[in-house]
Structure formats: C-alpha cells, structure tokens
Amino acid sequence: MTAALLPIVEELFDATDHSERAHWLLAVPLDVLARERVHIRQALVKANFPEGLAYLEAEIASLCAVRGSDGLAPATTRSMRETARIVLGVAARGRPV
C-alpha cells in the first residue's frame, strides 16, 4: 500500500479473503478502528465485504455513543454491536453469512 498507512492497516488491505478480514477486524485495537476508520472503510468497500462494514460502523457507533449513568452505551447500540460481532465471527470461520 502507501507509506501513509499504518502497517497494521496494510494487513487488512493485504488480506486475501473475508475470513482473514474478519479475523483482523475482531483482533485490531479499537483505537485503530477509530483513528483509521476511513482507510479501513476503503479496504472493506474495495473487498466488497458488507459484514465487515456493518461491524466497523457498529463499533464506531458504540465508541461515539453518549453513555448512560451506568457507563454503558444505549441498549440498542450494544445490541447492534453484538449482532455485528456475531455475524463477523461467522465470517471469520469461513462460512457464508
């Protein structure tokens, strides 16, 4: 890729299938998802990986959500994130989603 990308993000661009991309998304630090979301989104669009895009958006929404007095994001945001994680977990195992 280009010199502007973090090496960890280059790994996503170099992934050869959705299973590798899913594993990368589930393992990468959340701060990398937040900081590099534009490049990550580009990689997922280029790879035609809608499940990965849904996961990225769910994680970003959760990170940006106003938290309640209990310190948690709203239940709808948490539910959306967990659903996206489950779907991505299926993709990580190499099965069709």
PDB file of N, CA and C in Angstrom:
ATOM      1  N   MET A   1       0.845  -1.182   0.000  1.00  0.00           N
ATOM      2  CA  MET A   1       0.000   0.000   0.000  1.00  0.00           C
ATOM      3  C   MET A   1       0.886   1.240   0.000  1.00  0.00           C
ATOM      4  N   THR A   2       0.413   2.296   0.604  1.00  0.00           N
ATOM      5  CA  THR A   2       1.171   3.546   0.624  1.00  0.00           C
ATOM      6  C   THR A   2       1.858   3.707   1.965  1.00  0.00           C
ATOM      7  N   ALA A   3       2.833   4.601   1.988  1.00  0.00           N
ATOM      8  CA  ALA A   3       3.578   4.840   3.221  1.00  0.00           C
ATOM      9  C   ALA A   3       2.712   5.491   4.288  1.00  0.00           C
ATOM     10  N   ALA A   4       1.596   6.087   3.893  1.00  0.00           N
ATOM     11  CA  ALA A   4       0.732   6.782   4.843  1.00  0.00           C
ATOM     12  C   ALA A   4      -0.040   5.822   5.745  1.00  0.00           C
ATOM     13  N   LEU A   5      -0.170   4.585   5.345  1.00  0.00           N
ATOM     14  CA  LEU A   5      -0.935   3.621   6.134  1.00  0.00           C
ATOM     15  C   LEU A   5      -0.093   3.020   7.244  1.00  0.00           C
ATOM     16  N   LEU A   6      -0.733   2.793   8.375  1.00  0.00           N
ATOM     17  CA  LEU A   6      -0.077   2.043   9.442  1.00  0.00           C
ATOM     18  C   LEU A   6       0.143   0.613   8.958  1.00  0.00           C
ATOM     19  N   PRO A   7       1.235  -0.011   9.362  1.00  0.00           N
ATOM     20  CA  PRO A   7       1.463  -1.407   8.957  1.00  0.00           C
ATOM     21  C   PRO A   7       0.310  -2.332   9.321  1.00  0.00           C
ATOM     22  N   ILE A   8      -0.316  -2.096  10.463  1.00  0.00           N
ATOM     23  CA  ILE A   8      -1.435  -2.956  10.864  1.00  0.00           C
ATOM     24  C   ILE A   8      -2.621  -2.801   9.909  1.00  0.00           C
ATOM     25  N   VAL A   9      -2.816  -1.611   9.359  1.00  0.00           N
ATOM     26  CA  VAL A   9      -3.905  -1.396   8.400  1.00  0.00           C
ATOM     27  C   VAL A   9      -3.544  -1.993   7.045  1.00  0.00           C
ATOM     28  N   GLU A  10      -2.272  -1.966   6.703  1.00  0.00           N
ATOM     29  CA  GLU A  10      -1.832  -2.618   5.467  1.00  0.00           C
ATOM     30  C   GLU A  10      -2.184  -4.098   5.475  1.00  0.00           C
ATOM     31  N   GLU A  11      -2.143  -4.714   6.658  1.00  0.00           N
ATOM     32  CA  GLU A  11      -2.517  -6.132   6.771  1.00  0.00           C
ATOM     33  C   GLU A  11      -3.943  -6.364   6.271  1.00  0.00           C
ATOM     34  N   LEU A  12      -4.835  -5.440   6.573  1.00  0.00           N
ATOM     35  CA  LEU A  12      -6.221  -5.575   6.114  1.00  0.00           C
ATOM     36  C   LEU A  12      -6.283  -5.478   4.593  1.00  0.00           C
ATOM     37  N   PHE A  13      -5.581  -4.508   4.017  1.00  0.00           N
ATOM     38  CA  PHE A  13      -5.567  -4.371   2.564  1.00  0.00           C
ATOM     39  C   PHE A  13      -4.965  -5.607   1.893  1.00  0.00           C
ATOM     40  N   ASP A  14      -4.027  -6.261   2.567  1.00  0.00           N
ATOM     41  CA  ASP A  14      -3.366  -7.436   2.006  1.00  0.00           C
ATOM     42  C   ASP A  14      -4.124  -8.743   2.234  1.00  0.00           C
ATOM     43  N   ALA A  15      -5.175  -8.713   3.031  1.00  0.00           N
ATOM     44  CA  ALA A  15      -5.944  -9.935   3.310  1.00  0.00           C
ATOM     45  C   ALA A  15      -6.498 -10.508   2.004  1.00  0.00           C
ATOM     46  N   THR A  16      -6.498 -11.828   1.921  1.00  0.00           N
ATOM     47  CA  THR A  16      -6.901 -12.477   0.672  1.00  0.00           C
ATOM     48  C   THR A  16      -8.349 -12.955   0.649  1.00  0.00           C
ATOM     49  N   ASP A  17      -8.995 -13.003   1.804  1.00  0.00           N
ATOM     50  CA  ASP A  17     -10.398 -13.419   1.816  1.00  0.00           C
ATOM     51  C   ASP A  17     -11.119 -12.786   3.009  1.00  0.00           C
ATOM     52  N   HIS A  18     -12.434 -12.960   3.035  1.00  0.00           N
ATOM     53  CA  HIS A  18     -13.245 -12.349   4.088  1.00  0.00           C
ATOM     54  C   HIS A  18     -12.942 -12.937   5.466  1.00  0.00           C
ATOM     55  N   SER A  19     -12.559 -14.202   5.504  1.00  0.00           N
ATOM     56  CA  SER A  19     -12.208 -14.801   6.789  1.00  0.00           C
ATOM     57  C   SER A  19     -11.013 -14.075   7.407  1.00  0.00           C
ATOM     58  N   GLU A  20      -9.990 -13.815   6.619  1.00  0.00           N
ATOM     59  CA  GLU A  20      -8.830 -13.066   7.115  1.00  0.00           C
ATOM     60  C   GLU A  20      -9.230 -11.656   7.545  1.00  0.00           C
ATOM     61  N   ARG A  21     -10.084 -11.016   6.750  1.00  0.00           N
ATOM     62  CA  ARG A  21     -10.529  -9.666   7.090  1.00  0.00           C
ATOM     63  C   ARG A  21     -11.323  -9.668   8.397  1.00  0.00           C
ATOM     64  N   ALA A  22     -12.174 -10.661   8.556  1.00  0.00           N
ATOM     65  CA  ALA A  22     -12.972 -10.758   9.776  1.00  0.00           C
ATOM     66  C   ALA A  22     -12.079 -10.967  10.993  1.00  0.00           C
ATOM     67  N   HIS A  23     -11.105 -11.857  10.876  1.00  0.00           N
ATOM     68  CA  HIS A  23     -10.161 -12.073  11.984  1.00  0.00           C
ATOM     69  C   HIS A  23      -9.429 -10.780  12.323  1.00  0.00           C
ATOM     70  N   TRP A  24      -9.007 -10.064  11.308  1.00  0.00           N
ATOM     71  CA  TRP A  24      -8.301  -8.793  11.526  1.00  0.00           C
ATOM     72  C   TRP A  24      -9.197  -7.812  12.277  1.00  0.00           C
ATOM     73  N   LEU A  25     -10.438  -7.664  11.812  1.00  0.00           N
ATOM     74  CA  LEU A  25     -11.366  -6.714  12.444  1.00  0.00           C
ATOM     75  C   LEU A  25     -11.633  -7.066  13.901  1.00  0.00           C
ATOM     76  N   LEU A  26     -11.751  -8.347  14.193  1.00  0.00           N
ATOM     77  CA  LEU A  26     -12.036  -8.764  15.564  1.00  0.00           C
ATOM     78  C   LEU A  26     -10.830  -8.624  16.492  1.00  0.00           C
ATOM     79  N   ALA A  27      -9.631  -8.577  15.922  1.00  0.00           N
ATOM     80  CA  ALA A  27      -8.421  -8.533  16.744  1.00  0.00           C
ATOM     81  C   ALA A  27      -7.789  -7.150  16.857  1.00  0.00           C
ATOM     82  N   VAL A  28      -8.030  -6.292  15.885  1.00  0.00           N
ATOM     83  CA  VAL A  28      -7.355  -4.990  15.868  1.00  0.00           C
ATOM     84  C   VAL A  28      -7.829  -4.137  17.056  1.00  0.00           C
ATOM     85  N   PRO A  29      -6.932  -3.365  17.663  1.00  0.00           N
ATOM     86  CA  PRO A  29      -7.355  -2.498  18.770  1.00  0.00           C
ATOM     87  C   PRO A  29      -8.444  -1.513  18.323  1.00  0.00           C
ATOM     88  N   LEU A  30      -9.375  -1.261  19.213  1.00  0.00           N
ATOM     89  CA  LEU A  30     -10.480  -0.362  18.880  1.00  0.00           C
ATOM     90  C   LEU A  30     -10.004   1.046  18.547  1.00  0.00           C
ATOM     91  N   ASP A  31      -8.901   1.480  19.156  1.00  0.00           N
ATOM     92  CA  ASP A  31      -8.423   2.819  18.825  1.00  0.00           C
ATOM     93  C   ASP A  31      -7.925   2.887  17.386  1.00  0.00           C
ATOM     94  N   VAL A  32      -7.433   1.780  16.839  1.00  0.00           N
ATOM     95  CA  VAL A  32      -7.040   1.753  15.430  1.00  0.00           C
ATOM     96  C   VAL A  32      -8.289   1.842  14.559  1.00  0.00           C
ATOM     97  N   LEU A  33      -9.351   1.129  14.937  1.00  0.00           N
ATOM     98  CA  LEU A  33     -10.609   1.237  14.190  1.00  0.00           C
ATOM     99  C   LEU A  33     -11.089   2.689  14.143  1.00  0.00           C
ATOM    100  N   ALA A  34     -11.018   3.362  15.274  1.00  0.00           N
ATOM    101  CA  ALA A  34     -11.496   4.744  15.335  1.00  0.00           C
ATOM    102  C   ALA A  34     -10.596   5.678  14.532  1.00  0.00           C
ATOM    103  N   ARG A  35      -9.291   5.599  14.741  1.00  0.00           N
ATOM    104  CA  ARG A  35      -8.355   6.523  14.076  1.00  0.00           C
ATOM    105  C   ARG A  35      -8.264   6.296  12.581  1.00  0.00           C
ATOM    106  N   GLU A  36      -8.311   5.052  12.164  1.00  0.00           N
ATOM    107  CA  GLU A  36      -8.081   4.705  10.766  1.00  0.00           C
ATOM    108  C   GLU A  36      -9.356   4.283  10.040  1.00  0.00           C
ATOM    109  N   ARG A  37     -10.516   4.692  10.571  1.00  0.00           N
ATOM    110  CA  ARG A  37     -11.784   4.204  10.007  1.00  0.00           C
ATOM    111  C   ARG A  37     -11.957   4.533   8.536  1.00  0.00           C
ATOM    112  N   VAL A  38     -11.428   5.652   8.063  1.00  0.00           N
ATOM    113  CA  VAL A  38     -11.570   5.999   6.645  1.00  0.00           C
ATOM    114  C   VAL A  38     -10.826   4.981   5.783  1.00  0.00           C
ATOM    115  N   HIS A  39      -9.582   4.685   6.143  1.00  0.00           N
ATOM    116  CA  HIS A  39      -8.807   3.709   5.369  1.00  0.00           C
ATOM    117  C   HIS A  39      -9.384   2.306   5.502  1.00  0.00           C
ATOM    118  N   ILE A  40      -9.821   1.972   6.701  1.00  0.00           N
ATOM    119  CA  ILE A  40     -10.413   0.648   6.918  1.00  0.00           C
ATOM    120  C   ILE A  40     -11.683   0.508   6.085  1.00  0.00           C
ATOM    121  N   ARG A  41     -12.507   1.548   6.081  1.00  0.00           N
ATOM    122  CA  ARG A  41     -13.729   1.521   5.275  1.00  0.00           C
ATOM    123  C   ARG A  41     -13.375   1.331   3.796  1.00  0.00           C
ATOM    124  N   GLN A  42     -12.351   2.017   3.321  1.00  0.00           N
ATOM    125  CA  GLN A  42     -11.924   1.876   1.921  1.00  0.00           C
ATOM    126  C   GLN A  42     -11.537   0.431   1.613  1.00  0.00           C
ATOM    127  N   ALA A  43     -10.806  -0.191   2.522  1.00  0.00           N
ATOM    128  CA  ALA A  43     -10.388  -1.581   2.305  1.00  0.00           C
ATOM    129  C   ALA A  43     -11.593  -2.512   2.254  1.00  0.00           C
ATOM    130  N   LEU A  44     -12.555  -2.280   3.118  1.00  0.00           N
ATOM    131  CA  LEU A  44     -13.730  -3.158   3.167  1.00  0.00           C
ATOM    132  C   LEU A  44     -14.633  -2.955   1.960  1.00  0.00           C
ATOM    133  N   VAL A  45     -14.765  -1.721   1.500  1.00  0.00           N
ATOM    134  CA  VAL A  45     -15.550  -1.450   0.285  1.00  0.00           C
ATOM    135  C   VAL A  45     -14.867  -2.088  -0.918  1.00  0.00           C
ATOM    136  N   LYS A  46     -13.563  -1.890  -1.021  1.00  0.00           N
ATOM    137  CA  LYS A  46     -12.792  -2.469  -2.133  1.00  0.00           C
ATOM    138  C   LYS A  46     -12.934  -3.985  -2.172  1.00  0.00           C
ATOM    139  N   ALA A  47     -12.985  -4.603  -0.994  1.00  0.00           N
ATOM    140  CA  ALA A  47     -13.098  -6.064  -0.901  1.00  0.00           C
ATOM    141  C   ALA A  47     -14.543  -6.554  -1.005  1.00  0.00           C
ATOM    142  N   ASN A  48     -15.492  -5.626  -1.098  1.00  0.00           N
ATOM    143  CA  ASN A  48     -16.917  -5.991  -1.145  1.00  0.00           C
ATOM    144  C   ASN A  48     -17.276  -6.879   0.049  1.00  0.00           C
ATOM    145  N   PHE A  49     -17.029  -6.342   1.247  1.00  0.00           N
ATOM    146  CA  PHE A  49     -17.249  -7.086   2.497  1.00  0.00           C
ATOM    147  C   PHE A  49     -18.254  -6.320   3.359  1.00  0.00           C
ATOM    148  N   PRO A  50     -19.553  -6.419   3.043  1.00  0.00           N
ATOM    149  CA  PRO A  50     -20.566  -5.650   3.778  1.00  0.00           C
ATOM    150  C   PRO A  50     -20.666  -6.006   5.255  1.00  0.00           C
ATOM    151  N   GLU A  51     -20.388  -7.270   5.599  1.00  0.00           N
ATOM    152  CA  GLU A  51     -20.428  -7.653   7.013  1.00  0.00           C
ATOM    153  C   GLU A  51     -19.330  -6.931   7.797  1.00  0.00           C
ATOM    154  N   GLY A  52     -18.188  -6.771   7.169  1.00  0.00           N
ATOM    155  CA  GLY A  52     -17.107  -6.029   7.796  1.00  0.00           C
ATOM    156  C   GLY A  52     -17.455  -4.560   7.966  1.00  0.00           C
ATOM    157  N   LEU A  53     -18.094  -3.985   6.952  1.00  0.00           N
ATOM    158  CA  LEU A  53     -18.533  -2.589   7.045  1.00  0.00           C
ATOM    159  C   LEU A  53     -19.551  -2.408   8.159  1.00  0.00           C
ATOM    160  N   ALA A  54     -20.496  -3.332   8.263  1.00  0.00           N
ATOM    161  CA  ALA A  54     -21.510  -3.243   9.326  1.00  0.00           C
ATOM    162  C   ALA A  54     -20.849  -3.321  10.698  1.00  0.00           C
ATOM    163  N   TYR A  55     -19.854  -4.191  10.828  1.00  0.00           N
ATOM    164  CA  TYR A  55     -19.137  -4.308  12.092  1.00  0.00           C
ATOM    165  C   TYR A  55     -18.388  -3.016  12.403  1.00  0.00           C
ATOM    166  N   LEU A  56     -17.687  -2.482  11.444  1.00  0.00           N
ATOM    167  CA  LEU A  56     -16.952  -1.231  11.647  1.00  0.00           C
ATOM    168  C   LEU A  56     -17.895  -0.122  12.102  1.00  0.00           C
ATOM    169  N   GLU A  57     -19.011   0.026  11.424  1.00  0.00           N
ATOM    170  CA  GLU A  57     -19.974   1.077  11.777  1.00  0.00           C
ATOM    171  C   GLU A  57     -20.551   0.861  13.174  1.00  0.00           C
ATOM    172  N   ALA A  58     -20.818  -0.384  13.519  1.00  0.00           N
ATOM    173  CA  ALA A  58     -21.359  -0.683  14.849  1.00  0.00           C
ATOM    174  C   ALA A  58     -20.352  -0.353  15.946  1.00  0.00           C
ATOM    175  N   GLU A  59     -19.095  -0.693  15.731  1.00  0.00           N
ATOM    176  CA  GLU A  59     -18.059  -0.382  16.728  1.00  0.00           C
ATOM    177  C   GLU A  59     -17.877   1.122  16.867  1.00  0.00           C
ATOM    178  N   ILE A  60     -17.848   1.834  15.747  1.00  0.00           N
ATOM    179  CA  ILE A  60     -17.681   3.292  15.798  1.00  0.00           C
ATOM    180  C   ILE A  60     -18.883   3.927  16.490  1.00  0.00           C
ATOM    181  N   ALA A  61     -20.085   3.460  16.181  1.00  0.00           N
ATOM    182  CA  ALA A  61     -21.285   3.989  16.836  1.00  0.00           C
ATOM    183  C   ALA A  61     -21.220   3.758  18.339  1.00  0.00           C
ATOM    184  N   SER A  62     -20.749   2.596  18.736  1.00  0.00           N
ATOM    185  CA  SER A  62     -20.645   2.284  20.159  1.00  0.00           C
ATOM    186  C   SER A  62     -19.607   3.171  20.843  1.00  0.00           C
ATOM    187  N   LEU A  63     -18.480   3.376  20.180  1.00  0.00           N
ATOM    188  CA  LEU A  63     -17.435   4.225  20.751  1.00  0.00           C
ATOM    189  C   LEU A  63     -17.884   5.682  20.880  1.00  0.00           C
ATOM    190  N   CYS A  64     -18.736   6.123  19.966  1.00  0.00           N
ATOM    191  CA  CYS A  64     -19.158   7.527  19.934  1.00  0.00           C
ATOM    192  C   CYS A  64     -20.456   7.791  20.693  1.00  0.00           C
ATOM    193  N   ALA A  65     -21.124   6.744  21.137  1.00  0.00           N
ATOM    194  CA  ALA A  65     -22.429   6.898  21.792  1.00  0.00           C
ATOM    195  C   ALA A  65     -22.295   7.606  23.141  1.00  0.00           C
ATOM    196  N   VAL A  66     -23.288   8.420  23.451  1.00  0.00           N
ATOM    197  CA  VAL A  66     -23.376   9.008  24.788  1.00  0.00           C
ATOM    198  C   VAL A  66     -23.771   7.881  25.734  1.00  0.00           C
ATOM    199  N   ARG A  67     -23.014   7.728  26.795  1.00  0.00           N
ATOM    200  CA  ARG A  67     -23.262   6.642  27.733  1.00  0.00           C
ATOM    201  C   ARG A  67     -24.213   7.091  28.832  1.00  0.00           C
ATOM    202  N   GLY A  68     -24.941   6.145  29.352  1.00  0.00           N
ATOM    203  CA  GLY A  68     -25.872   6.421  30.440  1.00  0.00           C
ATOM    204  C   GLY A  68     -25.148   6.535  31.764  1.00  0.00           C
ATOM    205  N   SER A  69     -25.906   6.753  32.809  1.00  0.00           N
ATOM    206  CA  SER A  69     -25.318   6.900  34.144  1.00  0.00           C
ATOM    207  C   SER A  69     -24.645   5.611  34.620  1.00  0.00           C
ATOM    208  N   ASP A  70     -24.981   4.492  33.980  1.00  0.00           N
ATOM    209  CA  ASP A  70     -24.344   3.213  34.309  1.00  0.00           C
ATOM    210  C   ASP A  70     -23.015   3.032  33.567  1.00  0.00           C
ATOM    211  N   GLY A  71     -22.668   3.993  32.724  1.00  0.00           N
ATOM    212  CA  GLY A  71     -21.422   3.934  31.978  1.00  0.00           C
ATOM    213  C   GLY A  71     -21.502   3.151  30.689  1.00  0.00           C
ATOM    214  N   LEU A  72     -22.683   2.663  30.358  1.00  0.00           N
ATOM    215  CA  LEU A  72     -22.859   1.843  29.162  1.00  0.00           C
ATOM    216  C   LEU A  72     -23.517   2.625  28.043  1.00  0.00           C
ATOM    217  N   ALA A  73     -23.206   2.223  26.817  1.00  0.00           N
ATOM    218  CA  ALA A  73     -23.901   2.775  25.654  1.00  0.00           C
ATOM    219  C   ALA A  73     -25.363   2.329  25.718  1.00  0.00           C
ATOM    220  N   PRO A  74     -26.245   3.006  24.988  1.00  0.00           N
ATOM    221  CA  PRO A  74     -27.649   2.578  24.973  1.00  0.00           C
ATOM    222  C   PRO A  74     -27.797   1.114  24.552  1.00  0.00           C
ATOM    223  N   ALA A  75     -28.823   0.486  25.037  1.00  0.00           N
ATOM    224  CA  ALA A  75     -29.047  -0.938  24.761  1.00  0.00           C
ATOM    225  C   ALA A  75     -29.117  -1.215  23.261  1.00  0.00           C
ATOM    226  N   THR A  76     -29.734  -0.335  22.501  1.00  0.00           N
ATOM    227  CA  THR A  76     -29.827  -0.558  21.054  1.00  0.00           C
ATOM    228  C   THR A  76     -28.448  -0.559  20.406  1.00  0.00           C
ATOM    229  N   THR A  77     -27.583   0.320  20.857  1.00  0.00           N
ATOM    230  CA  THR A  77     -26.217   0.391  20.321  1.00  0.00           C
ATOM    231  C   THR A  77     -25.441  -0.859  20.692  1.00  0.00           C
ATOM    232  N   ARG A  78     -25.570  -1.295  21.944  1.00  0.00           N
ATOM    233  CA  ARG A  78     -24.878  -2.513  22.377  1.00  0.00           C
ATOM    234  C   ARG A  78     -25.385  -3.733  21.612  1.00  0.00           C
ATOM    235  N   SER A  79     -26.684  -3.799  21.402  1.00  0.00           N
ATOM    236  CA  SER A  79     -27.271  -4.917  20.678  1.00  0.00           C
ATOM    237  C   SER A  79     -26.787  -4.942  19.227  1.00  0.00           C
ATOM    238  N   MET A  80     -26.744  -3.785  18.593  1.00  0.00           N
ATOM    239  CA  MET A  80     -26.274  -3.689  17.213  1.00  0.00           C
ATOM    240  C   MET A  80     -24.823  -4.158  17.121  1.00  0.00           C
ATOM    241  N   ARG A  81     -24.008  -3.756  18.081  1.00  0.00           N
ATOM    242  CA  ARG A  81     -22.594  -4.130  18.088  1.00  0.00           C
ATOM    243  C   ARG A  81     -22.417  -5.629  18.283  1.00  0.00           C
ATOM    244  N   GLU A  82     -23.156  -6.202  19.210  1.00  0.00           N
ATOM    245  CA  GLU A  82     -23.028  -7.643  19.456  1.00  0.00           C
ATOM    246  C   GLU A  82     -23.513  -8.456  18.268  1.00  0.00           C
ATOM    247  N   THR A  83     -24.582  -8.011  17.631  1.00  0.00           N
ATOM    248  CA  THR A  83     -25.076  -8.705  16.432  1.00  0.00           C
ATOM    249  C   THR A  83     -24.021  -8.658  15.336  1.00  0.00           C
ATOM    250  N   ALA A  84     -23.412  -7.488  15.130  1.00  0.00           N
ATOM    251  CA  ALA A  84     -22.369  -7.351  14.108  1.00  0.00           C
ATOM    252  C   ALA A  84     -21.171  -8.242  14.438  1.00  0.00           C
ATOM    253  N   ARG A  85     -20.825  -8.356  15.718  1.00  0.00           N
ATOM    254  CA  ARG A  85     -19.717  -9.224  16.121  1.00  0.00           C
ATOM    255  C   ARG A  85     -20.030 -10.688  15.843  1.00  0.00           C
ATOM    256  N   ILE A  86     -21.250 -11.097  16.098  1.00  0.00           N
ATOM    257  CA  ILE A  86     -21.651 -12.489  15.847  1.00  0.00           C
ATOM    258  C   ILE A  86     -21.555 -12.799  14.350  1.00  0.00           C
ATOM    259  N   VAL A  87     -22.102 -11.914  13.532  1.00  0.00           N
ATOM    260  CA  VAL A  87     -22.056 -12.106  12.081  1.00  0.00           C
ATOM    261  C   VAL A  87     -20.607 -12.153  11.600  1.00  0.00           C
ATOM    262  N   LEU A  88     -19.775 -11.274  12.136  1.00  0.00           N
ATOM    263  CA  LEU A  88     -18.368 -11.257  11.748  1.00  0.00           C
ATOM    264  C   LEU A  88     -17.661 -12.530  12.213  1.00  0.00           C
ATOM    265  N   GLY A  89     -18.039 -13.042  13.378  1.00  0.00           N
ATOM    266  CA  GLY A  89     -17.475 -14.294  13.858  1.00  0.00           C
ATOM    267  C   GLY A  89     -17.767 -15.445  12.925  1.00  0.00           C
ATOM    268  N   VAL A  90     -18.968 -15.462  12.364  1.00  0.00           N
ATOM    269  CA  VAL A  90     -19.333 -16.483  11.374  1.00  0.00           C
ATOM    270  C   VAL A  90     -18.455 -16.336  10.140  1.00  0.00           C
ATOM    271  N   ALA A  91     -18.275 -15.095   9.692  1.00  0.00           N
ATOM    272  CA  ALA A  91     -17.412 -14.857   8.527  1.00  0.00           C
ATOM    273  C   ALA A  91     -15.969 -15.268   8.811  1.00  0.00           C
ATOM    274  N   ALA A  92     -15.535 -15.080  10.038  1.00  0.00           N
ATOM    275  CA  ALA A  92     -14.162 -15.445  10.415  1.00  0.00           C
ATOM    276  C   ALA A  92     -13.947 -16.961  10.323  1.00  0.00           C
ATOM    277  N   ARG A  93     -15.012 -17.715  10.523  1.00  0.00           N
ATOM    278  CA  ARG A  93     -14.903 -19.177  10.419  1.00  0.00           C
ATOM    279  C   ARG A  93     -14.976 -19.637   8.970  1.00  0.00           C
ATOM    280  N   GLY A  94     -15.148 -18.683   8.046  1.00  0.00           N
ATOM    281  CA  GLY A  94     -15.147 -19.021   6.626  1.00  0.00           C
ATOM    282  C   GLY A  94     -16.470 -19.513   6.095  1.00  0.00           C
ATOM    283  N   ARG A  95     -17.511 -19.368   6.889  1.00  0.00           N
ATOM    284  CA  ARG A  95     -18.830 -19.797   6.419  1.00  0.00           C
ATOM    285  C   ARG A  95     -19.553 -18.606   5.790  1.00  0.00           C
ATOM    286  N   PRO A  96     -20.453 -18.866   4.837  1.00  0.00           N
ATOM    287  CA  PRO A  96     -21.254 -17.769   4.286  1.00  0.00           C
ATOM    288  C   PRO A  96     -22.137 -17.166   5.375  1.00  0.00           C
ATOM    289  N   VAL A  97     -22.345 -15.881   5.291  1.00  0.00           N
ATOM    290  CA  VAL A  97     -23.145 -15.183   6.299  1.00  0.00           C
ATOM    291  C   VAL A  97     -24.575 -15.052   5.824  1.00  0.00           C
TER     292      VAL A  97
END
